[in-house]
């Protein structure tokens, strides 16, 4: 079980890195980060490959966090 969790963690981490690297840059600097967040909060939607990569990033991040928790719990039992 431990080996499977560790392997899954490495695979998900690699996929997460690849998805983040493939995303296009939205802005330059902190000013763009604030306006980009406002766009997403007030209904701006990313279309096409950017939207897909964004959703994949969220899903892989959640999976990575859950795997990390399970792996930490499993390794602390012994």
Protein backbone atom coordinates (compact mmCIF):
# COMPACT_ATOMS: atom_id res chain seq x y z
CA UNK A 1 0.00 0.00 0.00
CA UNK A 2 2.80 2.36 0.91
CA UNK A 3 4.56 1.84 -2.42
CA UNK A 4 1.34 2.45 -4.35
CA UNK A 5 0.67 5.70 -2.47
CA UNK A 6 4.22 6.89 -3.05
CA UNK A 7 4.08 6.03 -6.74
CA UNK A 8 0.70 7.75 -7.13
CA UNK A 9 2.07 10.82 -5.32
CA UNK A 10 5.03 11.06 -7.71
CA UNK A 11 2.84 10.61 -10.80
CA UNK A 12 0.31 13.23 -9.66
CA UNK A 13 3.11 15.65 -8.73
CA UNK A 14 4.68 15.24 -12.17
CA UNK A 15 1.32 15.75 -13.91
CA UNK A 16 0.61 18.82 -11.76
CA UNK A 17 3.95 20.36 -12.68
CA UNK A 18 3.35 19.68 -16.38
CA UNK A 19 -0.14 21.21 -16.33
CA UNK A 20 1.08 24.35 -14.55
CA UNK A 21 3.99 24.77 -16.96
CA UNK A 22 1.70 24.35 -20.00
CA UNK A 23 -0.62 27.16 -18.92
CA UNK A 24 -0.21 30.44 -20.72
CA UNK A 25 0.81 33.54 -18.81
CA UNK A 26 -2.19 35.70 -17.99
CA UNK A 27 -0.41 38.88 -16.96
CA UNK A 28 2.84 40.46 -15.92
CA UNK A 29 3.25 41.35 -12.28
CA UNK A 30 1.01 41.83 -9.28
CA UNK A 31 -1.31 44.37 -10.93
CA UNK A 32 -2.40 41.80 -13.45
CA UNK A 33 -2.85 39.18 -10.74
CA UNK A 34 -5.41 41.36 -8.98
CA UNK A 35 -7.38 42.08 -12.14
CA UNK A 36 -7.19 38.44 -13.21
CA UNK A 37 -8.65 37.36 -9.88
CA UNK A 38 -11.40 39.97 -10.20
CA UNK A 39 -12.27 38.66 -13.66
CA UNK A 40 -12.64 35.11 -12.39
CA UNK A 41 -14.69 36.21 -9.37
CA UNK A 42 -17.05 38.39 -11.39
CA UNK A 43 -17.87 35.86 -14.06
CA UNK A 44 -15.00 35.87 -16.54
CA UNK A 45 -14.59 32.36 -17.96
CA UNK A 46 -11.55 30.88 -19.58
CA UNK A 47 -12.33 29.07 -22.80
CA UNK A 48 -10.60 26.34 -24.70
CA UNK A 49 -7.34 24.82 -23.61
CA UNK A 50 -6.75 27.45 -20.89
CA UNK A 51 -10.01 26.52 -19.18
CA UNK A 52 -9.20 22.81 -19.41
CA UNK A 53 -5.71 23.31 -17.99
CA UNK A 54 -7.11 25.43 -15.17
CA UNK A 55 -9.62 22.76 -14.21
CA UNK A 56 -6.95 20.06 -14.43
CA UNK A 57 -4.73 22.10 -12.12
CA UNK A 58 -7.48 22.33 -9.52
CA UNK A 59 -8.34 18.63 -9.72
CA UNK A 60 -4.72 17.48 -9.61
CA UNK A 61 -4.01 19.84 -6.69
CA UNK A 62 -6.88 18.36 -4.70
CA UNK A 63 -5.78 14.80 -5.53
CA UNK A 64 -2.21 15.67 -4.54
CA UNK A 65 -3.34 17.09 -1.20
CA UNK A 66 -5.52 14.06 -0.42
CA UNK A 67 -2.75 11.63 -1.36
CA UNK A 68 -0.32 13.58 0.83
CA UNK A 69 -2.69 13.34 3.79
CA UNK A 70 -3.27 9.62 3.32
CA UNK A 71 0.44 8.96 2.89
CA UNK A 72 1.26 10.97 6.02
CA UNK A 73 -1.38 9.14 8.06
CA UNK A 74 -0.24 5.75 6.74
CA UNK A 75 3.44 6.39 7.43
CA UNK A 76 2.77 7.69 10.97
CA UNK A 77 0.94 4.53 12.01
CA UNK A 78 4.19 2.59 12.47
